[in-house]
Amino acid sequence: MSLRRLRLKTRVLAVTVVSANVAGNFFLSLGLRHRAPAGLSAPLSWLEALASPWVLLGVSALALWMLSRLALLSWADLSWVVPVTASGYALTALAGRLLLGEQISPLRWAGILLITLGALLVRTTAIRTTRPGRSAEGRR
């Protein structure tokens, strides 16, 4: 596979991972906010929450997130994937603020800024630093 194709494939999948993570967490939060103030204290309330369309949509998006992340980790370095996809934390906080009306303290915004800067720094590095098919055990 050419380097150009690998970069494109990786970027598309990284965007999918981040988007599915943000959407999944947003929809889970939205669905569970419609629960009674008592929350999920009884087993029946857990089943009712799972039947919520928003919760089902959130769980589906998080399943897509997990499968996309697994695929991404199959060819990209862990040390690249985790920081780059961490930009989803910043987008999730932004969605909470703009769409759910959550209040975010200045200290939390500072943490989000640091995560975002770290993701931008890592994005400029190589996607893969090991040769394909070479595991950690093979190097010992």
Protein backbone atom coordinates (compact mmCIF):
# COMPACT_ATOMS: atom_id res chain seq x y z
CA MET A 1 0.00 0.00 0.00
CA SER A 2 1.35 3.42 -0.92
CA LEU A 3 2.17 5.94 1.79
CA ARG A 4 -0.37 8.39 0.35
CA ARG A 5 -3.16 5.77 0.47
CA LEU A 6 -2.19 4.79 4.03
CA ARG A 7 -2.35 8.43 5.16
CA LEU A 8 -5.77 8.93 3.56
CA LYS A 9 -7.14 5.69 5.00
CA THR A 10 -5.79 6.58 8.43
CA ARG A 11 -7.22 10.09 8.40
CA VAL A 12 -10.66 8.89 7.32
CA LEU A 13 -10.71 6.24 10.02
CA ALA A 14 -9.39 8.65 12.67
CA VAL A 15 -12.23 11.07 11.84
CA THR A 16 -14.68 8.15 12.08
CA VAL A 17 -13.28 7.14 15.48
CA VAL A 18 -13.51 10.67 16.86
CA SER A 19 -16.97 11.37 15.40
CA ALA A 20 -18.44 8.08 16.60
CA ASN A 21 -17.00 8.67 20.09
CA VAL A 22 -18.45 12.17 20.34
CA ALA A 23 -21.84 11.11 18.94
CA GLY A 24 -22.02 8.00 21.12
CA ASN A 25 -21.26 9.84 24.35
CA PHE A 26 -23.59 12.70 23.44
CA PHE A 27 -26.53 10.39 22.67
CA LEU A 28 -25.94 8.31 25.80
CA SER A 29 -25.95 11.45 27.92
CA LEU A 30 -29.03 12.79 26.17
CA GLY A 31 -30.91 9.52 26.60
CA LEU A 32 -29.99 9.10 30.26
CA ARG A 33 -30.92 12.70 31.11
CA HIS A 34 -34.50 11.81 30.27
CA ARG A 35 -34.49 9.34 33.18
CA ALA A 36 -36.22 10.08 36.45
CA PRO A 37 -34.15 12.05 39.00
CA ALA A 38 -33.73 8.82 41.00
CA GLY A 39 -31.51 7.59 38.19
CA LEU A 40 -30.80 3.96 37.49
CA SER A 41 -31.22 2.45 40.94
CA ALA A 42 -33.30 -0.61 40.09
CA PRO A 43 -32.73 -3.34 37.46
CA LEU A 44 -36.00 -2.41 35.73
CA SER A 45 -34.81 1.18 35.26
CA TRP A 46 -31.67 -0.17 33.55
CA LEU A 47 -33.81 -2.09 31.08
CA GLU A 48 -36.00 0.95 30.47
CA ALA A 49 -32.90 3.07 29.82
CA LEU A 50 -31.57 0.52 27.33
CA ALA A 51 -34.88 0.69 25.46
CA SER A 52 -34.54 4.45 24.97
CA PRO A 53 -33.92 5.35 21.30
CA TRP A 54 -31.23 7.86 22.30
CA VAL A 55 -29.39 5.30 24.42
CA LEU A 56 -29.62 2.72 21.64
CA LEU A 57 -28.24 5.26 19.18
CA GLY A 58 -25.43 6.08 21.60
CA VAL A 59 -24.55 2.43 22.13
CA SER A 60 -24.57 1.86 18.35
CA ALA A 61 -22.26 4.83 17.78
CA LEU A 62 -19.90 3.60 20.50
CA ALA A 63 -19.88 0.13 18.90
CA LEU A 64 -18.84 1.81 15.63
CA TRP A 65 -16.21 3.74 17.60
CA MET A 66 -14.75 0.55 19.05
CA LEU A 67 -14.67 -1.31 15.73
CA SER A 68 -13.12 1.68 13.94
CA ARG A 69 -10.53 2.08 16.66
CA LEU A 70 -9.62 -1.61 16.46
CA ALA A 71 -9.15 -1.30 12.71
CA LEU A 72 -7.03 1.83 13.14
CA LEU A 73 -4.85 0.15 15.76
CA SER A 74 -4.24 -2.75 13.37
CA TRP A 75 -1.95 -0.60 11.21
CA ALA A 76 -1.14 2.59 13.11
CA ASP A 77 1.03 2.93 16.21
CA LEU A 78 -0.73 3.01 19.57
CA SER A 79 1.38 6.04 20.47
CA TRP A 80 -0.14 7.84 17.45
CA VAL A 81 -3.75 6.61 17.65
CA VAL A 82 -4.48 7.43 21.29
CA PRO A 83 -3.33 11.08 21.30
CA VAL A 84 -4.83 11.85 17.88
CA THR A 85 -8.22 10.37 18.76
CA ALA A 86 -8.11 12.16 22.12
CA SER A 87 -9.28 15.24 20.25
CA GLY A 88 -12.70 13.64 20.70
CA TYR A 89 -12.54 14.69 24.36
CA ALA A 90 -12.44 18.34 23.35
CA LEU A 91 -15.30 17.88 20.87
CA THR A 92 -17.35 15.98 23.45
CA ALA A 93 -16.93 18.84 25.94
CA LEU A 94 -17.91 21.32 23.24
CA ALA A 95 -21.03 19.26 22.41
CA GLY A 96 -21.91 19.14 26.11
CA ARG A 97 -21.58 22.90 26.36
CA LEU A 98 -23.37 23.85 23.15
CA LEU A 99 -26.01 21.13 22.88
CA LEU A 100 -26.66 20.12 26.49
CA GLY A 101 -26.04 23.45 28.22
CA GLU A 102 -23.32 22.09 30.51
CA GLN A 103 -21.13 24.56 32.36
CA ILE A 104 -17.39 24.05 31.84
CA SER A 105 -14.97 25.70 34.24
CA PRO A 106 -11.90 27.62 33.03
CA LEU A 107 -9.67 24.91 34.51
CA ARG A 108 -11.48 22.25 32.50
CA TRP A 109 -11.15 24.38 29.33
CA ALA A 110 -7.41 24.63 30.03
CA GLY A 111 -7.19 20.83 30.22
CA ILE A 112 -9.14 20.52 26.98
CA LEU A 113 -6.75 22.98 25.33
CA LEU A 114 -3.74 20.92 26.45
CA ILE A 115 -5.30 17.72 25.07
CA THR A 116 -6.01 19.45 21.77
CA LEU A 117 -2.47 20.84 21.49
CA GLY A 118 -1.04 17.38 22.22
CA ALA A 119 -3.24 15.82 19.55
CA LEU A 120 -2.08 18.43 17.03
CA LEU A 121 1.58 17.76 17.88
CA VAL A 122 1.25 13.99 17.53
CA ARG A 123 -0.63 14.36 14.26
CA THR A 124 2.52 15.71 12.65
CA THR A 125 4.50 12.52 13.40
CA ALA A 126 4.67 9.24 11.47
CA ILE A 127 1.59 7.04 11.61
CA ARG A 128 3.64 3.88 11.87
CA THR A 129 7.20 3.44 13.12
CA THR A 130 7.39 -0.36 12.96
CA ARG A 131 7.44 -2.65 9.97
CA PRO A 132 4.14 -4.43 9.22
CA GLY A 133 3.91 -7.93 10.67
CA ARG A 134 6.58 -7.32 13.31
CA SER A 135 5.29 -7.73 16.84
CA ALA A 136 6.85 -6.72 20.14
CA GLU A 137 7.73 -10.38 20.78
CA GLY A 138 9.51 -10.62 17.43
CA ARG A 139 11.96 -7.90 18.50
CA ARG A 140 13.15 -9.65 21.66
